[in-house]
Amino acid sequence: MQHRSNVEKFFAQGAKPVFPKLDQCSVVNVDLVDATAEAVINTLLQPGRNRVFFYNAHCANLRATDADYAQALTRADLILPDGIGIELAARMRGDALTSNLNGTDLLPSLLASAAKQNKSVFLLGGRPGTAQKAATHLQSLIPGLHIAGTRDGYGGAEDAEDAISVINASRADILLVAMGVPMQELWLDRHGHKLDADLMMAVGGLFDFWAGNVKRAPLWLRQLKSEWVWRLAMEPRRLAQRYLLGNFAFMWRAARHAMRSSSQYAIHKRILDIVLSLGALIALSPLLLLICAAIRLESPGAVIFRQKRVGRNGKPFTLYKFRSMHVDAGARRQELLATSDRGGICFKARNDPRVTRVGRFLRRFSLDELPQIVNILSGKMSIVGPRPALPEEVAAYSRRAHRRLSVKPGLTGIWQVSGRADIDFDRMVDMDIAYARSRSILLDLMLIAVTFQAVFKGRGAY
């Protein structure tokens, strides 16, 4: 099962392995704008069969009524989010999609990389002549791209066995199928195991764009994520039901699904976070000012230390702590990695020379963590949850370790009250996954209560 290992690599190199659950479909969340784009595309182009589908509001509506299509989606190797509807539905669930991965924008970059790697592509679909026109456009757009063959999606696809034979004989590395949803997904689901192509993608009406049969929306409208408005204006008769009635039905269903999945626990947890963190901020304000003064007296530099951390669903945020180290601590971290006292990815040294005397006291009683109250009030963290991870740690995570990112990071939690730095990384992951599975308000209150005892004992606090 080579293609499964490639999917593992996709998540390992794609940096944001987030799976917003939309209609029970796992939609991968990958940012193709940042520096990970090349790694993601290269992973998709590696040898091993992968079936990749796109998922938009229309797809979700079809999935609700077409059992065969629904099953095809569950068997796909990757499903990429496409369109503003999916993004809005994800936000209702508290998930933020980083990119709109529609095929029209994604495929040119992917095929350009394929050309550099001497990979060939076969185009299957569209009306007679459309695939050939699309191929001609692609070759003018991407110099060096090898088109292994083309075949229309009507008579050319009617005899599936003959089409499969022609595609395999072409020795194409990539197969693009443009037959419209759900026919293209069903075709790949039924016949993908007979095809030799490493990458098989269902691309909808993409050939029509490339062939010049359909004009794309202006860039400014695409940037507003409103290309559907342009398409509706171009073909009002054909697309009115899909975009007007269909979008309304999808958003209504997404809203109901979000309300059902917004458990009482989530509401109560947020109320608990706000009440306790706001109360703590007021009650501890004299202590906070005293700590600020102590830090400034011993060591020059900012009192508050800001650091990029990774929050729920891989979303980065800025974490606040009292500075407990000298100002050059970041520059000296690399040279100290070999002295880590903790097994696994996370670095921690009991006798870290970068820590100031005041900082050592603050760490002993976890007082350096108090500014995270602001992170809790802003909703980026919770009082109870996994330790917030560094981006470089997340980059080295296994797929299993990514599961600890399914909940908000916390000021305290099972790991924090069980020994902190004395616990190795793998055990920390086990604890965080156990919390994510069994979290409840009662468990949160118990962990908050135990935290005070853990702070005074100071086990693993350094």
Protein backbone atom coordinates (compact mmCIF):
# COMPACT_ATOMS: atom_id res chain seq x y z
CA MET A 1 0.00 0.00 0.00
CA GLN A 2 2.54 2.56 -1.20
CA HIS A 3 0.02 5.38 -1.54
CA ARG A 4 -0.70 5.32 2.21
CA SER A 5 2.94 6.09 3.00
CA ASN A 6 2.76 9.05 0.64
CA VAL A 7 -0.28 10.37 2.47
CA GLU A 8 1.68 10.09 5.71
CA LYS A 9 4.44 12.18 4.09
CA PHE A 10 1.86 14.71 2.96
CA PHE A 11 0.82 15.34 6.54
CA ALA A 12 4.39 15.28 7.80
CA GLN A 13 5.60 17.83 5.25
CA GLY A 14 2.41 19.81 4.73
CA ALA A 15 2.78 21.45 8.15
CA LYS A 16 -0.94 21.79 8.95
CA PRO A 17 -2.61 18.40 9.31
CA VAL A 18 -6.03 19.72 10.28
CA PHE A 19 -9.19 17.79 9.46
CA PRO A 20 -12.33 19.92 9.80
CA LYS A 21 -15.21 17.48 9.82
CA LEU A 22 -17.75 18.60 7.24
CA ASP A 23 -20.65 16.22 6.68
CA GLN A 24 -18.40 13.48 8.12
CA CYS A 25 -15.85 14.04 5.33
CA SER A 26 -12.26 14.61 6.39
CA VAL A 27 -11.07 17.68 4.48
CA VAL A 28 -7.36 18.30 4.71
CA ASN A 29 -6.27 21.81 5.64
CA VAL A 30 -2.99 22.80 4.01
CA ASP A 31 -1.53 26.23 3.45
CA LEU A 32 -0.19 26.34 -0.11
CA VAL A 33 0.81 29.98 0.25
CA ASP A 34 3.63 29.54 2.74
CA ALA A 35 7.03 27.87 2.42
CA THR A 36 5.55 24.36 2.72
CA ALA A 37 3.87 24.54 -0.73
CA GLU A 38 6.80 23.02 -2.58
CA ALA A 39 7.11 20.17 -0.06
CA VAL A 40 3.37 19.40 -0.30
CA ILE A 41 3.36 19.36 -4.11
CA ASN A 42 6.53 17.26 -4.24
CA THR A 43 4.92 14.75 -1.90
CA LEU A 44 1.85 14.49 -4.13
CA LEU A 45 4.16 13.84 -7.08
CA GLN A 46 6.07 11.00 -5.42
CA PRO A 47 5.55 7.44 -6.71
CA GLY A 48 2.54 5.60 -5.29
CA ARG A 49 -1.14 5.71 -6.22
CA ASN A 50 -3.09 8.62 -4.75
CA ARG A 51 -6.70 9.54 -5.55
CA VAL A 52 -7.31 13.21 -4.80
CA PHE A 53 -10.75 14.88 -4.85
CA PHE A 54 -11.90 18.45 -4.27
CA TYR A 55 -14.81 19.27 -1.96
CA ASN A 56 -17.09 22.29 -2.18
CA ALA A 57 -20.64 23.18 -1.18
CA HIS A 58 -22.09 21.48 -4.27
CA CYS A 59 -20.13 18.32 -3.45
CA ALA A 60 -21.51 18.37 0.10
CA ASN A 61 -25.07 18.65 -1.21
CA LEU A 62 -24.54 15.72 -3.57
CA ARG A 63 -22.96 13.68 -0.82
CA ALA A 64 -26.10 14.09 1.29
CA THR A 65 -28.25 12.41 -1.39
CA ASP A 66 -25.87 10.10 -3.29
CA ALA A 67 -24.70 7.09 -1.26
CA ASP A 68 -22.24 5.90 -3.92
CA TYR A 69 -20.57 9.31 -4.08
CA ALA A 70 -20.44 9.46 -0.28
CA GLN A 71 -18.62 6.12 -0.22
CA ALA A 72 -16.21 7.27 -2.92
CA LEU A 73 -15.29 10.27 -0.76
CA THR A 74 -14.54 8.07 2.23
CA ARG A 75 -12.19 5.96 0.10
CA ALA A 76 -10.28 8.93 -1.37
CA ASP A 77 -6.68 9.39 -0.26
CA LEU A 78 -6.99 13.17 0.02
CA ILE A 79 -9.87 15.63 -0.11
CA LEU A 80 -8.95 19.26 -0.64
CA PRO A 81 -11.23 22.18 0.38
CA ASP A 82 -12.59 24.27 -2.49
CA GLY A 83 -14.61 27.44 -2.12
CA ILE A 84 -15.89 30.00 0.35
CA GLY A 85 -18.76 27.72 1.45
CA ILE A 86 -16.40 25.12 2.91
CA GLU A 87 -14.39 27.84 4.62
CA LEU A 88 -17.51 29.35 6.22
CA ALA A 89 -18.75 25.93 7.32
CA ALA A 90 -15.36 25.21 8.88
CA ARG A 91 -15.46 28.51 10.78
CA MET A 92 -18.86 27.58 12.19
CA ARG A 93 -17.17 24.52 13.68
CA GLY A 94 -14.29 26.60 15.04
CA ASP A 95 -11.82 25.48 12.35
CA ALA A 96 -9.96 27.92 10.10
CA LEU A 97 -8.97 26.79 6.61
CA THR A 98 -5.68 28.33 5.55
CA SER A 99 -6.21 28.19 1.80
CA ASN A 100 -8.82 27.77 -0.89
CA LEU A 101 -7.31 24.83 -2.76
CA ASN A 102 -9.44 24.94 -5.91
CA GLY A 103 -7.97 23.00 -8.79
CA THR A 104 -7.83 26.01 -11.11
CA ASP A 105 -5.23 27.65 -8.86
CA LEU A 106 -3.49 24.51 -7.57
CA LEU A 107 -2.97 22.52 -10.77
CA PRO A 108 -0.71 24.95 -12.70
CA SER A 109 1.80 24.93 -9.83
CA LEU A 110 1.59 21.18 -9.48
CA LEU A 111 2.03 20.61 -13.24
CA ALA A 112 4.95 23.04 -13.37
CA SER A 113 6.67 20.95 -10.71
CA ALA A 114 5.75 17.80 -12.63
CA ALA A 115 7.41 19.21 -15.77
CA LYS A 116 10.63 19.85 -13.85
CA GLN A 117 10.57 16.23 -12.68
CA ASN A 118 9.93 14.96 -16.25
CA LYS A 119 6.55 13.58 -15.29
CA SER A 120 3.80 13.24 -17.88
CA VAL A 121 0.07 13.94 -17.64
CA PHE A 122 -3.00 12.41 -19.31
CA LEU A 123 -6.21 14.42 -19.69
CA LEU A 124 -9.48 12.48 -19.60
CA GLY A 125 -12.80 14.31 -19.85
CA GLY A 126 -14.70 17.21 -21.38
CA ARG A 127 -16.52 17.38 -24.68
CA PRO A 128 -14.78 16.05 -27.79
CA GLY A 129 -11.84 18.35 -28.57
CA THR A 130 -11.80 20.11 -25.20
CA ALA A 131 -9.08 17.94 -23.62
CA GLN A 132 -6.83 18.48 -26.65
CA LYS A 133 -7.33 22.26 -26.53
CA ALA A 134 -6.60 22.20 -22.79
CA ALA A 135 -3.42 20.22 -23.46
CA THR A 136 -2.25 22.75 -26.05
CA HIS A 137 -2.85 25.59 -23.59
CA LEU A 138 -0.97 23.80 -20.81
CA GLN A 139 2.05 23.17 -23.03
CA SER A 140 2.20 26.86 -23.92
CA LEU A 141 1.75 27.83 -20.26
CA ILE A 142 4.25 25.31 -18.84
CA PRO A 143 7.28 24.76 -21.11
CA GLY A 144 8.56 21.20 -20.96
CA LEU A 145 5.28 19.68 -19.77
CA HIS A 146 4.79 16.29 -21.43
CA ILE A 147 1.19 15.47 -22.35
CA ALA A 148 1.01 11.68 -22.52
CA GLY A 149 -2.43 11.71 -24.14
CA THR A 150 -5.97 13.06 -24.16
CA ARG A 151 -9.41 11.47 -24.36
CA ASP A 152 -12.87 13.03 -24.13
CA GLY A 153 -15.31 12.21 -21.36
CA TYR A 154 -18.16 11.13 -23.65
CA GLY A 155 -17.48 8.47 -26.27
CA GLY A 156 -13.87 8.35 -25.13
CA ALA A 157 -14.87 7.26 -21.64
CA GLU A 158 -17.88 5.13 -22.52
CA ASP A 159 -15.78 1.95 -22.72
CA ALA A 160 -13.98 2.14 -19.37
CA GLU A 161 -11.71 -0.84 -20.03
CA ASP A 162 -10.55 0.61 -23.34
CA ALA A 163 -9.90 4.01 -21.70
CA ILE A 164 -7.91 2.35 -18.93
CA SER A 165 -5.85 0.43 -21.47
CA VAL A 166 -5.03 3.61 -23.41
CA ILE A 167 -4.14 5.56 -20.26
CA ASN A 168 -1.85 2.80 -18.97
CA ALA A 169 -0.22 2.40 -22.38
CA SER A 170 0.64 6.12 -22.32
CA ARG A 171 2.68 5.52 -19.14
CA ALA A 172 1.31 8.78 -17.72
CA ASP A 173 2.43 9.69 -14.19
CA ILE A 174 -0.58 11.94 -13.58
CA LEU A 175 -4.19 11.43 -14.64
CA LEU A 176 -6.62 14.37 -14.57
CA VAL A 177 -10.27 13.37 -14.88
CA ALA A 178 -12.80 16.10 -15.77
CA MET A 179 -16.27 14.60 -16.02
CA GLY A 180 -18.08 16.72 -13.44
CA VAL A 181 -19.14 15.82 -9.92
CA PRO A 182 -19.94 13.05 -9.00
CA MET A 183 -19.23 11.12 -12.22
CA GLN A 184 -15.47 11.77 -12.13
CA GLU A 185 -15.11 10.67 -8.50
CA LEU A 186 -17.21 7.56 -9.10
CA TRP A 187 -15.12 6.71 -12.19
CA LEU A 188 -11.86 6.97 -10.24
CA ASP A 189 -13.32 5.10 -7.27
CA ARG A 190 -14.37 2.20 -9.49
CA HIS A 191 -11.33 2.05 -11.75
CA GLY A 192 -8.47 3.68 -9.85
CA HIS A 193 -7.03 0.35 -8.73
CA LYS A 194 -6.56 -0.66 -12.41
CA LEU A 195 -4.69 2.50 -13.36
CA ASP A 196 -0.91 2.82 -13.22
CA ALA A 197 -0.74 6.61 -12.76
CA ASP A 198 0.82 7.73 -9.48
CA LEU A 199 -1.54 10.68 -9.03
CA MET A 200 -5.20 10.67 -10.07
CA MET A 201 -7.22 13.84 -9.57
CA ALA A 202 -10.86 14.70 -10.21
CA VAL A 203 -10.78 18.27 -11.54
CA GLY A 204 -14.35 19.19 -12.53
CA GLY A 205 -14.67 21.84 -15.24
CA LEU A 206 -10.97 22.65 -15.32
CA PHE A 207 -10.47 21.58 -18.94
CA ASP A 208 -13.10 24.11 -20.05
CA PHE A 209 -11.10 26.89 -18.39
CA TRP A 210 -7.86 25.76 -20.02
CA ALA A 211 -9.50 25.26 -23.41
CA GLY A 212 -10.99 28.76 -23.32
CA ASN A 213 -14.58 27.49 -23.33
CA VAL A 214 -15.29 29.23 -20.00
CA LYS A 215 -13.74 32.51 -18.88
CA ARG A 216 -12.47 32.83 -15.30
CA ALA A 217 -13.65 35.60 -13.00
CA PRO A 218 -11.48 38.72 -12.71
CA LEU A 219 -8.64 38.43 -10.18
CA TRP A 220 -10.22 40.90 -7.75
CA LEU A 221 -13.39 38.83 -7.60
CA ARG A 222 -11.41 35.63 -7.08
CA GLN A 223 -9.50 37.31 -4.25
CA LEU A 224 -12.85 38.07 -2.61
CA LYS A 225 -13.58 34.32 -2.86
CA SER A 226 -16.67 35.10 -4.93
CA GLU A 227 -15.88 33.37 -8.21
CA TRP A 228 -19.18 31.57 -7.92
CA VAL A 229 -20.95 34.92 -8.47
CA TRP A 230 -19.13 35.31 -11.80
CA ARG A 231 -19.97 31.78 -12.89
CA LEU A 232 -23.61 32.30 -11.94
CA ALA A 233 -23.69 35.49 -14.03
CA MET A 234 -22.14 33.66 -17.01
CA GLU A 235 -24.52 30.67 -16.85
CA PRO A 236 -27.57 31.71 -14.81
CA ARG A 237 -29.87 29.08 -16.25
CA ARG A 238 -27.61 26.12 -15.59
CA LEU A 239 -26.16 27.22 -12.28
CA ALA A 240 -29.00 29.07 -10.52
CA GLN A 241 -30.22 26.02 -8.64
CA ARG A 242 -26.68 24.93 -7.75
CA TYR A 243 -25.42 28.27 -6.47
CA LEU A 244 -28.55 29.94 -5.08
CA LEU A 245 -30.67 27.11 -3.71
CA GLY A 246 -27.69 24.78 -3.29
CA ASN A 247 -25.53 27.22 -1.35
CA PHE A 248 -28.43 28.11 0.92
CA ALA A 249 -29.16 24.42 1.60
CA PHE A 250 -25.49 23.73 2.31
CA MET A 251 -25.07 26.64 4.73
CA TRP A 252 -28.31 25.74 6.52
CA ARG A 253 -27.14 22.16 6.96
CA ALA A 254 -23.66 23.30 8.01
CA ALA A 255 -25.17 25.68 10.60
CA ARG A 256 -27.36 22.92 12.05
CA HIS A 257 -24.40 20.54 12.14
CA ALA A 258 -22.27 23.16 13.89
CA MET A 259 -24.97 23.80 16.49
CA ARG A 260 -25.33 20.09 17.19
CA SER A 261 -21.59 19.64 17.54
CA SER A 262 -21.17 22.71 19.78
CA SER A 263 -21.52 20.74 22.96
CA GLN A 264 -22.53 22.17 26.28
CA TYR A 265 -19.02 21.30 27.39
CA ALA A 266 -17.46 23.77 24.92
CA ILE A 267 -19.77 26.55 26.10
CA HIS A 268 -19.20 25.82 29.79
CA LYS A 269 -15.45 25.52 29.26
CA ARG A 270 -15.25 28.94 27.61
CA ILE A 271 -17.29 30.51 30.43
CA LEU A 272 -15.00 28.86 32.97
CA ASP A 273 -11.93 30.17 31.13
CA ILE A 274 -13.23 33.74 31.04
CA VAL A 275 -14.43 33.86 34.65
CA LEU A 276 -11.32 32.29 36.19
CA SER A 277 -8.76 34.09 34.03
CA LEU A 278 -10.40 37.49 34.48
CA GLY A 279 -10.66 36.95 38.23
CA ALA A 280 -7.03 35.84 38.39
CA LEU A 281 -5.87 38.87 36.40
CA ILE A 282 -7.56 41.23 38.85
CA ALA A 283 -6.55 39.37 42.01
CA LEU A 284 -2.93 38.84 40.97
CA SER A 285 -2.27 42.30 39.53
CA PRO A 286 -0.05 43.39 42.50
CA LEU A 287 2.02 40.20 42.15
CA LEU A 288 2.30 40.70 38.39
CA LEU A 289 3.68 44.21 38.88
CA LEU A 290 6.15 42.95 41.49
CA ILE A 291 7.42 40.27 39.12
CA CYS A 292 7.85 42.85 36.35
CA ALA A 293 10.00 44.97 38.64
CA ALA A 294 12.15 42.01 39.74
CA ILE A 295 12.85 40.96 36.17
CA ARG A 296 13.91 44.48 35.14
CA LEU A 297 16.18 44.89 38.18
CA GLU A 298 18.18 41.74 37.42
CA SER A 299 18.35 41.71 33.63
CA PRO A 300 17.90 44.38 30.94
CA GLY A 301 15.34 43.77 28.22
CA ALA A 302 11.61 43.28 27.83
CA VAL A 303 9.69 41.93 30.82
CA ILE A 304 7.27 39.95 28.66
CA PHE A 305 8.61 37.19 26.45
CA ARG A 306 6.66 36.63 23.23
CA GLN A 307 6.97 33.40 21.30
CA LYS A 308 5.20 31.81 18.37
CA ARG A 309 3.37 28.66 19.42
CA VAL A 310 1.00 26.25 17.69
CA GLY A 311 -2.58 26.17 18.90
CA ARG A 312 -5.70 24.18 18.15
CA ASN A 313 -5.80 22.63 14.67
CA GLY A 314 -2.25 23.79 13.98
CA LYS A 315 -3.11 27.49 14.01
CA PRO A 316 -0.16 29.63 15.21
CA PHE A 317 -0.55 32.26 17.92
CA THR A 318 1.70 34.46 20.05
CA LEU A 319 2.21 33.13 23.58
CA TYR A 320 3.05 35.48 26.46
CA LYS A 321 5.28 34.61 29.42
CA PHE A 322 7.41 36.48 31.90
CA ARG A 323 10.96 36.49 30.60
CA SER A 324 12.95 34.01 32.67
CA MET A 325 16.08 33.95 30.52
CA HIS A 326 18.74 36.36 29.37
CA VAL A 327 17.89 38.24 26.17
CA ASP A 328 20.28 36.15 24.03
CA ALA A 329 18.62 32.85 25.01
CA GLY A 330 17.18 32.17 21.56
CA ALA A 331 20.57 32.46 19.86
CA ARG A 332 22.13 30.03 22.35
CA ARG A 333 19.40 27.35 22.13
CA GLN A 334 20.99 25.35 19.30
CA GLU A 335 24.28 24.87 21.13
CA LEU A 336 22.43 23.50 24.18
CA LEU A 337 20.16 20.97 22.45
CA ALA A 338 22.52 18.11 23.28
CA THR A 339 22.12 18.83 27.02
CA SER A 340 18.34 18.26 27.05
CA ASP A 341 17.13 16.31 30.08
CA ARG A 342 13.89 15.28 28.38
CA GLY A 343 13.58 12.41 25.92
CA GLY A 344 11.97 13.12 22.56
CA ILE A 345 11.38 16.29 20.57
CA CYS A 346 10.94 18.94 23.29
CA PHE A 347 14.11 20.53 24.66
CA LYS A 348 14.43 21.08 28.43
CA ALA A 349 17.62 21.36 30.53
CA ARG A 350 17.62 21.29 34.33
CA ASN A 351 20.74 23.48 34.56
CA ASP A 352 20.08 25.75 31.60
CA PRO A 353 22.71 28.56 31.85
CA ARG A 354 20.41 30.95 30.01
CA VAL A 355 17.96 31.16 32.93
CA THR A 356 18.32 34.16 35.27
CA ARG A 357 18.15 33.90 39.07
CA VAL A 358 14.72 35.56 39.11
CA GLY A 359 13.72 33.34 36.22
CA ARG A 360 14.70 30.20 38.12
CA PHE A 361 12.44 31.26 41.00
CA LEU A 362 9.58 32.07 38.62
CA ARG A 363 9.91 28.69 36.93
CA ARG A 364 10.09 26.84 40.25
CA PHE A 365 6.60 28.10 41.12
CA SER A 366 5.33 28.40 37.51
CA LEU A 367 4.93 32.16 37.93
CA ASP A 368 6.49 32.78 34.51
CA GLU A 369 3.32 31.29 32.98
CA LEU A 370 0.95 33.89 34.45
CA PRO A 371 0.86 36.24 31.39
CA GLN A 372 -0.81 33.38 29.51
CA ILE A 373 -3.96 34.58 31.25
CA VAL A 374 -4.14 37.05 28.36
CA ASN A 375 -3.96 34.18 25.86
CA ILE A 376 -6.83 32.49 27.69
CA LEU A 377 -8.98 35.63 27.68
CA SER A 378 -8.39 36.04 23.94
CA GLY A 379 -9.51 32.46 23.28
CA LYS A 380 -6.18 31.22 21.89
CA MET A 381 -5.64 29.03 24.96
CA SER A 382 -7.70 27.44 27.69
CA ILE A 383 -7.00 27.04 31.38
CA VAL A 384 -6.82 23.27 30.89
CA GLY A 385 -5.26 21.66 27.84
CA PRO A 386 -2.03 20.31 26.34
CA ARG A 387 1.21 22.28 26.60
CA PRO A 388 1.39 24.75 23.68
CA ALA A 389 3.98 23.44 21.21
CA LEU A 390 6.72 25.24 19.32
CA PRO A 391 6.47 25.24 15.47
CA GLU A 392 9.77 23.35 15.14
CA GLU A 393 8.43 20.68 17.49
CA VAL A 394 5.24 20.30 15.46
CA ALA A 395 7.29 20.01 12.26
CA ALA A 396 8.90 16.89 13.78
CA TYR A 397 5.63 15.36 15.04
CA SER A 398 4.47 11.95 13.94
CA ARG A 399 0.94 11.74 12.62
CA ARG A 400 -0.20 10.39 15.98
CA ALA A 401 1.38 13.28 17.87
CA HIS A 402 -0.63 15.73 15.76
CA ARG A 403 -3.75 14.51 17.56
CA ARG A 404 -2.74 16.56 20.61
CA LEU A 405 -3.47 19.65 18.48
CA SER A 406 -7.18 18.77 18.27
CA VAL A 407 -7.90 20.81 21.43
CA LYS A 408 -6.80 24.23 22.63
CA PRO A 409 -3.48 24.29 24.48
CA GLY A 410 -3.73 25.00 28.18
CA LEU A 411 -2.04 26.69 31.09
CA THR A 412 -2.38 23.45 33.03
CA GLY A 413 -3.27 19.89 32.15
CA ILE A 414 -2.52 16.24 32.81
CA TRP A 415 1.13 16.56 31.74
CA GLN A 416 1.61 19.80 33.66
CA VAL A 417 0.42 18.31 36.96
CA SER A 418 2.15 14.94 36.47
CA GLY A 419 5.77 15.96 36.44
CA ARG A 420 6.23 18.33 33.47
CA ALA A 421 9.86 18.17 32.29
CA ASP A 422 10.42 14.84 34.08
CA ILE A 423 8.04 13.20 31.60
CA ASP A 424 9.34 12.29 28.15
CA PHE A 425 7.66 13.40 24.94
CA ASP A 426 5.92 10.11 24.08
CA ARG A 427 4.28 9.91 27.50
CA MET A 428 3.23 13.55 27.20
CA VAL A 429 1.53 12.75 23.87
CA ASP A 430 -0.28 9.80 25.48
CA MET A 431 -1.54 12.07 28.27
CA ASP A 432 -2.70 14.77 25.86
CA ILE A 433 -4.55 12.32 23.62
CA ALA A 434 -6.21 10.77 26.69
CA TYR A 435 -7.35 14.24 27.76
CA ALA A 436 -8.69 15.06 24.28
CA ARG A 437 -10.78 11.88 24.35
CA SER A 438 -12.21 12.18 27.87
CA ARG A 439 -12.29 15.92 28.59
CA SER A 440 -15.16 17.22 30.69
CA ILE A 441 -15.84 20.13 33.03
CA LEU A 442 -15.45 17.82 36.03
CA LEU A 443 -12.04 16.66 34.78
CA ASP A 444 -11.01 20.28 34.12
CA LEU A 445 -11.99 21.31 37.64
CA MET A 446 -10.07 18.37 39.12
CA LEU A 447 -6.95 19.30 37.12
CA ILE A 448 -7.22 22.95 38.19
CA ALA A 449 -7.45 21.85 41.83
CA VAL A 450 -4.47 19.50 41.51
CA THR A 451 -2.45 22.26 39.82
CA PHE A 452 -1.97 24.16 43.08
CA GLN A 453 -0.47 21.08 44.72
CA ALA A 454 1.77 20.51 41.65
CA VAL A 455 2.98 24.12 41.74
CA PHE A 456 4.08 23.91 45.39
CA LYS A 457 5.79 20.54 44.88
CA GLY A 458 7.56 21.94 41.82
CA ARG A 459 8.21 18.52 40.27
CA GLY A 460 9.70 18.94 36.79
CA ALA A 461 9.52 22.75 37.02
CA TYR A 462 12.81 24.09 35.68
